[in-house]
N, C-alpha and C. Protein backbone atom coordinates (compact mmCIF):
# COMPACT_ATOMS: atom_id res chain seq x y z
N MET A 1 0.84 -1.18 0.00
CA MET A 1 0.00 0.00 0.00
C MET A 1 0.89 1.25 0.00
N ILE A 2 0.41 2.26 -0.68
CA ILE A 2 1.05 3.57 -0.66
C ILE A 2 0.08 4.51 0.04
N GLU A 3 0.53 5.10 1.13
CA GLU A 3 -0.32 6.04 1.87
C GLU A 3 0.18 7.45 1.65
N LEU A 4 -0.75 8.33 1.29
CA LEU A 4 -0.44 9.73 1.03
C LEU A 4 -1.28 10.59 1.95
N ASN A 5 -0.66 11.60 2.55
CA ASN A 5 -1.40 12.59 3.33
C ASN A 5 -1.36 13.87 2.51
N VAL A 6 -2.45 14.12 1.80
CA VAL A 6 -2.48 15.21 0.83
C VAL A 6 -3.23 16.41 1.44
N PRO A 7 -2.52 17.53 1.67
CA PRO A 7 -3.18 18.72 2.20
C PRO A 7 -4.39 19.11 1.35
N GLY A 8 -5.51 19.33 2.03
CA GLY A 8 -6.73 19.71 1.35
C GLY A 8 -7.51 18.54 0.78
N ARG A 9 -6.94 17.36 0.86
CA ARG A 9 -7.61 16.18 0.30
C ARG A 9 -7.69 15.05 1.32
N GLY A 10 -6.78 15.04 2.27
CA GLY A 10 -6.79 14.01 3.32
C GLY A 10 -5.88 12.85 3.02
N VAL A 11 -6.08 11.78 3.77
CA VAL A 11 -5.26 10.58 3.63
C VAL A 11 -5.81 9.72 2.49
N ILE A 12 -4.92 9.31 1.61
CA ILE A 12 -5.25 8.42 0.49
C ILE A 12 -4.45 7.14 0.69
N GLN A 13 -5.13 6.02 0.66
CA GLN A 13 -4.46 4.72 0.78
C GLN A 13 -4.65 3.97 -0.53
N LEU A 14 -3.58 3.90 -1.31
CA LEU A 14 -3.62 3.23 -2.61
C LEU A 14 -3.20 1.78 -2.44
N GLU A 15 -4.04 0.87 -2.92
CA GLU A 15 -3.75 -0.56 -2.84
C GLU A 15 -3.60 -1.21 -4.21
N TYR A 16 -4.23 -0.59 -5.22
CA TYR A 16 -4.28 -1.20 -6.55
C TYR A 16 -3.77 -0.24 -7.61
N LEU A 17 -2.99 -0.77 -8.53
CA LEU A 17 -2.61 -0.05 -9.74
C LEU A 17 -3.35 -0.71 -10.89
N VAL A 18 -4.22 0.06 -11.54
CA VAL A 18 -4.96 -0.43 -12.69
C VAL A 18 -4.43 0.33 -13.90
N SER A 19 -3.95 -0.43 -14.88
CA SER A 19 -3.35 0.21 -16.05
C SER A 19 -3.91 -0.35 -17.34
N ASP A 20 -4.09 0.54 -18.28
CA ASP A 20 -4.33 0.16 -19.67
C ASP A 20 -3.04 -0.45 -20.20
N VAL A 21 -3.10 -1.15 -21.31
CA VAL A 21 -1.91 -1.76 -21.87
C VAL A 21 -1.44 -1.01 -23.12
N ASN A 22 -2.14 -1.16 -24.23
CA ASN A 22 -1.66 -0.60 -25.49
C ASN A 22 -1.73 0.92 -25.50
N GLY A 23 -0.58 1.52 -25.76
CA GLY A 23 -0.45 2.97 -25.74
C GLY A 23 0.02 3.47 -24.39
N THR A 24 -0.15 2.66 -23.35
CA THR A 24 0.21 3.08 -22.00
C THR A 24 1.48 2.40 -21.53
N ILE A 25 1.47 1.07 -21.41
CA ILE A 25 2.69 0.35 -21.01
C ILE A 25 3.31 -0.40 -22.18
N ALA A 26 2.60 -0.40 -23.31
CA ALA A 26 3.10 -1.07 -24.51
C ALA A 26 2.98 -0.11 -25.70
N LEU A 27 3.90 -0.24 -26.61
CA LEU A 27 3.90 0.55 -27.84
C LEU A 27 3.87 -0.40 -29.01
N ASP A 28 2.89 -0.24 -29.87
CA ASP A 28 2.72 -1.12 -31.04
C ASP A 28 2.69 -2.59 -30.63
N GLY A 29 2.07 -2.87 -29.48
CA GLY A 29 1.90 -4.24 -29.03
C GLY A 29 3.10 -4.85 -28.32
N GLN A 30 4.12 -4.04 -28.06
CA GLN A 30 5.31 -4.54 -27.36
C GLN A 30 5.53 -3.73 -26.09
N LEU A 31 5.81 -4.45 -25.00
CA LEU A 31 6.05 -3.81 -23.72
C LEU A 31 7.18 -2.79 -23.86
N ILE A 32 6.99 -1.60 -23.35
CA ILE A 32 7.99 -0.54 -23.41
C ILE A 32 9.17 -0.93 -22.52
N ASP A 33 10.38 -0.71 -23.03
CA ASP A 33 11.60 -1.05 -22.29
C ASP A 33 11.58 -0.44 -20.89
N GLY A 34 11.91 -1.25 -19.90
CA GLY A 34 12.03 -0.79 -18.52
C GLY A 34 10.74 -0.85 -17.73
N VAL A 35 9.60 -1.01 -18.39
CA VAL A 35 8.31 -1.01 -17.69
C VAL A 35 8.18 -2.24 -16.80
N ALA A 36 8.59 -3.40 -17.30
CA ALA A 36 8.45 -4.63 -16.50
C ALA A 36 9.21 -4.50 -15.17
N LYS A 37 10.42 -3.98 -15.22
CA LYS A 37 11.20 -3.82 -13.98
C LYS A 37 10.53 -2.85 -13.02
N ALA A 38 10.00 -1.75 -13.54
CA ALA A 38 9.33 -0.77 -12.69
C ALA A 38 8.08 -1.37 -12.05
N LEU A 39 7.33 -2.16 -12.81
CA LEU A 39 6.13 -2.78 -12.27
C LEU A 39 6.47 -3.81 -11.20
N VAL A 40 7.55 -4.53 -11.39
CA VAL A 40 8.00 -5.49 -10.37
C VAL A 40 8.35 -4.76 -9.08
N ARG A 41 9.06 -3.63 -9.20
CA ARG A 41 9.40 -2.84 -8.00
C ARG A 41 8.16 -2.37 -7.26
N LEU A 42 7.14 -1.99 -8.00
CA LEU A 42 5.90 -1.50 -7.38
C LEU A 42 5.05 -2.63 -6.82
N GLY A 43 5.33 -3.85 -7.26
CA GLY A 43 4.53 -5.00 -6.83
C GLY A 43 4.53 -5.25 -5.34
N ASP A 44 5.53 -4.74 -4.63
CA ASP A 44 5.56 -4.90 -3.18
C ASP A 44 4.56 -3.97 -2.49
N GLN A 45 4.14 -2.91 -3.19
CA GLN A 45 3.26 -1.92 -2.60
C GLN A 45 1.85 -1.92 -3.17
N LEU A 46 1.73 -2.26 -4.44
CA LEU A 46 0.45 -2.19 -5.13
C LEU A 46 0.16 -3.49 -5.87
N GLU A 47 -1.10 -3.89 -5.84
CA GLU A 47 -1.53 -5.05 -6.62
C GLU A 47 -1.83 -4.58 -8.04
N LEU A 48 -1.20 -5.19 -9.03
CA LEU A 48 -1.29 -4.74 -10.41
C LEU A 48 -2.45 -5.43 -11.14
N HIS A 49 -3.25 -4.60 -11.83
CA HIS A 49 -4.33 -5.07 -12.67
C HIS A 49 -4.18 -4.42 -14.04
N LEU A 50 -4.12 -5.22 -15.08
CA LEU A 50 -4.04 -4.70 -16.44
C LEU A 50 -5.38 -4.92 -17.13
N LEU A 51 -5.88 -3.87 -17.78
CA LEU A 51 -7.12 -3.94 -18.54
C LEU A 51 -6.79 -3.67 -19.99
N THR A 52 -7.29 -4.53 -20.88
CA THR A 52 -6.93 -4.36 -22.29
C THR A 52 -8.03 -4.86 -23.21
N ALA A 53 -8.15 -4.21 -24.35
CA ALA A 53 -8.98 -4.70 -25.43
C ALA A 53 -8.13 -5.56 -26.36
N ASP A 54 -6.82 -5.65 -26.07
CA ASP A 54 -5.85 -6.43 -26.84
C ASP A 54 -5.89 -6.07 -28.32
N THR A 55 -5.83 -4.79 -28.59
CA THR A 55 -5.90 -4.25 -29.94
C THR A 55 -4.92 -4.92 -30.89
N ARG A 56 -3.73 -5.19 -30.43
CA ARG A 56 -2.68 -5.75 -31.29
C ARG A 56 -2.62 -7.28 -31.26
N GLY A 57 -3.40 -7.91 -30.38
CA GLY A 57 -3.40 -9.37 -30.30
C GLY A 57 -2.14 -9.96 -29.70
N ARG A 58 -1.38 -9.17 -28.95
CA ARG A 58 -0.12 -9.64 -28.39
C ARG A 58 -0.16 -9.75 -26.86
N GLN A 59 -1.35 -9.67 -26.28
CA GLN A 59 -1.44 -9.67 -24.83
C GLN A 59 -0.88 -10.94 -24.19
N PRO A 60 -1.04 -12.13 -24.79
CA PRO A 60 -0.44 -13.32 -24.15
C PRO A 60 1.08 -13.18 -23.95
N ILE A 61 1.75 -12.54 -24.87
CA ILE A 61 3.20 -12.34 -24.75
C ILE A 61 3.50 -11.37 -23.61
N ILE A 62 2.74 -10.28 -23.54
CA ILE A 62 2.93 -9.30 -22.47
C ILE A 62 2.62 -9.93 -21.12
N ASP A 63 1.55 -10.72 -21.06
CA ASP A 63 1.21 -11.42 -19.82
C ASP A 63 2.37 -12.29 -19.36
N GLN A 64 2.95 -13.01 -20.29
CA GLN A 64 4.09 -13.89 -19.95
C GLN A 64 5.28 -13.07 -19.46
N GLN A 65 5.56 -11.96 -20.10
CA GLN A 65 6.67 -11.12 -19.69
C GLN A 65 6.48 -10.57 -18.28
N LEU A 66 5.24 -10.30 -17.90
CA LEU A 66 4.95 -9.70 -16.60
C LEU A 66 4.55 -10.74 -15.54
N GLY A 67 4.33 -11.97 -15.97
CA GLY A 67 3.95 -13.01 -15.03
C GLY A 67 2.56 -12.83 -14.44
N LEU A 68 1.63 -12.35 -15.25
CA LEU A 68 0.24 -12.18 -14.80
C LEU A 68 -0.69 -12.35 -15.98
N GLU A 69 -1.98 -12.24 -15.72
CA GLU A 69 -2.96 -12.34 -16.79
C GLU A 69 -3.83 -11.08 -16.79
N ALA A 70 -3.77 -10.36 -17.89
CA ALA A 70 -4.56 -9.14 -18.03
C ALA A 70 -6.04 -9.49 -18.17
N VAL A 71 -6.87 -8.55 -17.79
CA VAL A 71 -8.32 -8.69 -17.96
C VAL A 71 -8.66 -8.16 -19.34
N ARG A 72 -9.30 -9.02 -20.16
CA ARG A 72 -9.71 -8.60 -21.50
C ARG A 72 -11.04 -7.87 -21.40
N ILE A 73 -11.11 -6.71 -22.01
CA ILE A 73 -12.32 -5.91 -22.06
C ILE A 73 -12.96 -6.16 -23.42
N SER A 74 -14.22 -6.59 -23.41
CA SER A 74 -14.92 -6.90 -24.64
C SER A 74 -15.22 -5.63 -25.44
N PRO A 75 -15.22 -5.74 -26.76
CA PRO A 75 -15.59 -4.58 -27.59
C PRO A 75 -17.00 -4.12 -27.23
N GLY A 76 -17.19 -2.84 -27.34
CA GLY A 76 -18.48 -2.26 -26.96
C GLY A 76 -18.21 -1.03 -26.12
N ASP A 77 -18.83 -0.94 -24.98
CA ASP A 77 -18.63 0.22 -24.12
C ASP A 77 -17.43 -0.02 -23.21
N GLU A 78 -16.24 0.03 -23.80
CA GLU A 78 -15.00 -0.23 -23.07
C GLU A 78 -14.76 0.80 -21.97
N THR A 79 -15.15 2.04 -22.22
CA THR A 79 -14.96 3.10 -21.22
C THR A 79 -15.70 2.75 -19.94
N GLU A 80 -16.95 2.36 -20.07
CA GLU A 80 -17.75 2.02 -18.89
C GLU A 80 -17.24 0.73 -18.25
N ALA A 81 -16.83 -0.24 -19.05
CA ALA A 81 -16.34 -1.51 -18.50
C ALA A 81 -15.10 -1.28 -17.63
N LYS A 82 -14.22 -0.41 -18.07
CA LYS A 82 -13.02 -0.11 -17.27
C LYS A 82 -13.39 0.66 -16.00
N ALA A 83 -14.35 1.57 -16.11
CA ALA A 83 -14.80 2.31 -14.93
C ALA A 83 -15.43 1.38 -13.90
N VAL A 84 -16.25 0.45 -14.37
CA VAL A 84 -16.89 -0.53 -13.48
C VAL A 84 -15.84 -1.37 -12.78
N TYR A 85 -14.81 -1.78 -13.50
CA TYR A 85 -13.75 -2.59 -12.91
C TYR A 85 -13.10 -1.85 -11.73
N VAL A 86 -12.81 -0.58 -11.94
CA VAL A 86 -12.21 0.25 -10.88
C VAL A 86 -13.16 0.38 -9.69
N ARG A 87 -14.42 0.63 -9.96
CA ARG A 87 -15.41 0.74 -8.87
C ARG A 87 -15.50 -0.56 -8.08
N GLU A 88 -15.48 -1.69 -8.77
CA GLU A 88 -15.60 -2.98 -8.09
C GLU A 88 -14.37 -3.28 -7.22
N LEU A 89 -13.20 -2.80 -7.61
CA LEU A 89 -12.01 -2.95 -6.76
C LEU A 89 -12.12 -2.11 -5.50
N GLY A 90 -12.78 -0.99 -5.62
CA GLY A 90 -12.85 0.01 -4.54
C GLY A 90 -12.09 1.23 -5.01
N ALA A 91 -12.75 2.07 -5.78
CA ALA A 91 -12.11 3.20 -6.46
C ALA A 91 -11.27 4.06 -5.53
N GLU A 92 -11.65 4.16 -4.25
CA GLU A 92 -10.91 5.00 -3.31
C GLU A 92 -9.52 4.45 -2.99
N HIS A 93 -9.23 3.24 -3.46
CA HIS A 93 -7.92 2.63 -3.22
C HIS A 93 -7.15 2.37 -4.52
N VAL A 94 -7.61 2.99 -5.61
CA VAL A 94 -7.04 2.71 -6.93
C VAL A 94 -6.30 3.93 -7.48
N VAL A 95 -5.12 3.65 -8.03
CA VAL A 95 -4.44 4.59 -8.91
C VAL A 95 -4.54 3.96 -10.29
N ALA A 96 -5.02 4.73 -11.26
CA ALA A 96 -5.20 4.23 -12.63
C ALA A 96 -4.30 5.02 -13.58
N ILE A 97 -3.79 4.30 -14.58
CA ILE A 97 -2.93 4.92 -15.59
C ILE A 97 -3.47 4.54 -16.97
N GLY A 98 -3.63 5.53 -17.83
CA GLY A 98 -4.09 5.28 -19.18
C GLY A 98 -3.87 6.48 -20.07
N GLN A 99 -4.28 6.36 -21.33
CA GLN A 99 -4.11 7.46 -22.27
C GLN A 99 -5.15 7.50 -23.38
N GLY A 100 -5.96 6.47 -23.49
CA GLY A 100 -6.93 6.41 -24.58
C GLY A 100 -8.32 6.87 -24.17
N THR A 101 -9.15 7.10 -25.16
CA THR A 101 -10.52 7.50 -24.90
C THR A 101 -11.21 6.49 -23.99
N ASN A 102 -10.95 5.20 -24.21
CA ASN A 102 -11.63 4.20 -23.38
C ASN A 102 -11.05 4.10 -21.97
N ASP A 103 -10.04 4.89 -21.65
CA ASP A 103 -9.48 4.94 -20.29
C ASP A 103 -10.08 6.06 -19.46
N ALA A 104 -10.83 6.94 -20.08
CA ALA A 104 -11.34 8.13 -19.39
C ALA A 104 -12.17 7.77 -18.16
N GLY A 105 -13.03 6.79 -18.26
CA GLY A 105 -13.87 6.41 -17.14
C GLY A 105 -13.09 5.90 -15.95
N MET A 106 -12.09 5.06 -16.20
CA MET A 106 -11.31 4.53 -15.08
C MET A 106 -10.43 5.61 -14.46
N LEU A 107 -9.93 6.53 -15.28
CA LEU A 107 -9.12 7.63 -14.76
C LEU A 107 -9.96 8.54 -13.86
N GLN A 108 -11.20 8.75 -14.25
CA GLN A 108 -12.08 9.61 -13.46
C GLN A 108 -12.53 8.91 -12.18
N GLU A 109 -12.82 7.62 -12.25
CA GLU A 109 -13.31 6.87 -11.09
C GLU A 109 -12.23 6.66 -10.02
N ALA A 110 -10.99 6.44 -10.46
CA ALA A 110 -9.91 6.12 -9.53
C ALA A 110 -9.64 7.29 -8.58
N GLU A 111 -9.18 6.96 -7.39
CA GLU A 111 -8.81 8.01 -6.43
C GLU A 111 -7.73 8.91 -7.02
N VAL A 112 -6.81 8.30 -7.75
CA VAL A 112 -5.78 9.06 -8.47
C VAL A 112 -5.73 8.51 -9.90
N GLY A 113 -6.02 9.37 -10.85
CA GLY A 113 -5.96 9.01 -12.27
C GLY A 113 -4.79 9.73 -12.91
N ILE A 114 -3.93 8.95 -13.57
CA ILE A 114 -2.75 9.52 -14.22
C ILE A 114 -2.85 9.24 -15.72
N CYS A 115 -2.89 10.29 -16.50
CA CYS A 115 -2.89 10.17 -17.95
C CYS A 115 -1.45 10.31 -18.44
N VAL A 116 -1.03 9.41 -19.31
CA VAL A 116 0.32 9.51 -19.86
C VAL A 116 0.26 9.99 -21.31
N LEU A 117 1.24 10.79 -21.65
CA LEU A 117 1.40 11.18 -23.05
C LEU A 117 2.10 10.02 -23.74
N SER A 118 1.60 9.64 -24.89
CA SER A 118 2.05 8.41 -25.53
C SER A 118 2.42 8.64 -26.99
N GLN A 119 3.36 7.84 -27.47
CA GLN A 119 3.71 7.88 -28.88
C GLN A 119 2.56 7.41 -29.75
N GLU A 120 1.65 6.62 -29.16
CA GLU A 120 0.47 6.18 -29.91
C GLU A 120 -0.63 7.22 -29.87
N SER A 121 -0.41 8.31 -29.21
CA SER A 121 -1.28 9.47 -29.03
C SER A 121 -1.97 9.41 -27.67
N THR A 122 -2.54 10.53 -27.29
CA THR A 122 -3.25 10.66 -26.02
C THR A 122 -4.57 11.35 -26.31
N ALA A 123 -5.65 10.75 -25.83
CA ALA A 123 -6.98 11.28 -26.08
C ALA A 123 -7.29 12.45 -25.15
N VAL A 124 -7.92 13.45 -25.68
CA VAL A 124 -8.29 14.62 -24.90
C VAL A 124 -9.22 14.21 -23.75
N GLY A 125 -10.11 13.27 -24.00
CA GLY A 125 -11.02 12.80 -22.95
C GLY A 125 -10.27 12.19 -21.78
N ALA A 126 -9.19 11.47 -22.07
CA ALA A 126 -8.37 10.89 -20.99
C ALA A 126 -7.68 12.01 -20.22
N LEU A 127 -7.15 12.99 -20.93
CA LEU A 127 -6.50 14.13 -20.27
C LEU A 127 -7.46 14.85 -19.33
N MET A 128 -8.66 15.07 -19.78
CA MET A 128 -9.64 15.83 -19.00
C MET A 128 -10.19 15.03 -17.81
N SER A 129 -10.07 13.71 -17.86
CA SER A 129 -10.59 12.86 -16.79
C SER A 129 -9.58 12.56 -15.70
N ALA A 130 -8.31 12.84 -15.95
CA ALA A 130 -7.23 12.48 -15.03
C ALA A 130 -6.99 13.57 -14.00
N ASP A 131 -6.39 13.15 -12.89
CA ASP A 131 -5.93 14.11 -11.87
C ASP A 131 -4.58 14.68 -12.25
N LEU A 132 -3.75 13.86 -12.89
CA LEU A 132 -2.39 14.25 -13.25
C LEU A 132 -2.07 13.81 -14.67
N VAL A 133 -1.11 14.49 -15.28
CA VAL A 133 -0.61 14.11 -16.60
C VAL A 133 0.89 13.90 -16.48
N ALA A 134 1.36 12.76 -16.99
CA ALA A 134 2.79 12.46 -16.97
C ALA A 134 3.30 12.40 -18.41
N PRO A 135 4.55 12.82 -18.63
CA PRO A 135 5.08 12.86 -19.99
C PRO A 135 5.25 11.49 -20.64
N ASP A 136 5.32 10.43 -19.83
CA ASP A 136 5.42 9.07 -20.36
C ASP A 136 5.17 8.09 -19.23
N ILE A 137 5.13 6.80 -19.56
CA ILE A 137 4.85 5.79 -18.55
C ILE A 137 5.93 5.73 -17.48
N HIS A 138 7.16 5.96 -17.84
CA HIS A 138 8.24 5.91 -16.85
C HIS A 138 8.04 6.99 -15.78
N ALA A 139 7.69 8.18 -16.21
CA ALA A 139 7.45 9.27 -15.26
C ALA A 139 6.24 8.96 -14.38
N ALA A 140 5.20 8.36 -14.96
CA ALA A 140 4.02 8.00 -14.18
C ALA A 140 4.37 6.98 -13.10
N LEU A 141 5.14 5.97 -13.45
CA LEU A 141 5.51 4.95 -12.48
C LEU A 141 6.48 5.50 -11.43
N GLU A 142 7.32 6.45 -11.83
CA GLU A 142 8.22 7.09 -10.87
C GLU A 142 7.44 7.89 -9.83
N LEU A 143 6.29 8.44 -10.22
CA LEU A 143 5.45 9.14 -9.24
C LEU A 143 5.05 8.19 -8.11
N LEU A 144 4.77 6.95 -8.47
CA LEU A 144 4.36 5.96 -7.47
C LEU A 144 5.54 5.48 -6.64
N GLU A 145 6.72 5.48 -7.22
CA GLU A 145 7.92 5.09 -6.47
C GLU A 145 8.38 6.22 -5.55
N ASN A 146 7.98 7.44 -5.85
CA ASN A 146 8.34 8.63 -5.07
C ASN A 146 7.05 9.36 -4.70
N PRO A 147 6.28 8.82 -3.75
CA PRO A 147 4.94 9.33 -3.48
C PRO A 147 4.86 10.79 -3.06
N MET A 148 5.92 11.36 -2.54
CA MET A 148 5.86 12.79 -2.19
C MET A 148 5.67 13.65 -3.43
N ARG A 149 6.05 13.14 -4.59
CA ARG A 149 5.77 13.87 -5.84
C ARG A 149 4.27 13.94 -6.09
N LEU A 150 3.57 12.85 -5.75
CA LEU A 150 2.11 12.84 -5.87
C LEU A 150 1.49 13.86 -4.92
N VAL A 151 1.98 13.87 -3.69
CA VAL A 151 1.46 14.81 -2.70
C VAL A 151 1.65 16.24 -3.21
N ALA A 152 2.81 16.54 -3.73
CA ALA A 152 3.11 17.90 -4.21
C ALA A 152 2.16 18.31 -5.34
N SER A 153 1.81 17.37 -6.19
CA SER A 153 0.95 17.70 -7.32
C SER A 153 -0.53 17.67 -6.99
N LEU A 154 -0.94 16.88 -6.01
CA LEU A 154 -2.36 16.72 -5.70
C LEU A 154 -2.87 17.67 -4.62
N ARG A 155 -1.97 18.29 -3.86
CA ARG A 155 -2.43 19.14 -2.75
C ARG A 155 -3.24 20.32 -3.29
N ARG A 156 -4.15 20.75 -2.43
CA ARG A 156 -5.04 21.85 -2.84
C ARG A 156 -4.67 23.12 -2.13
């Protein structure tokens, strides 16, 4: 767990990291260099959940690289499906990371939503739904490894 005492917002206890895959932790269907190591480091503090529509059809390879199984989101209302997933975990304990239009709901529902700027592009809806914007996935994960950075950005 990562506990934050955010002035003007109170104590936040993050237990879950929910992340989109394609465009967020993977580029063109391949895990971005260094992401697996960063996620392993965070694994002692946060339970990792990956949500994906598996746009590129390479999720089994990514799952194997990370030693987990991502949750496949069925085509249709992916935005709402991701938001429901976060709510069912307990949104007040979730930090979510994404960049696509279908990530907007989970970014808004999560206690802390982080939108990443991506080489695959970043949707305006995701930007508007997030609490924070990070220049890339590495910077987003570093925020979680250095929680006082989160406090500095989230305080009111």
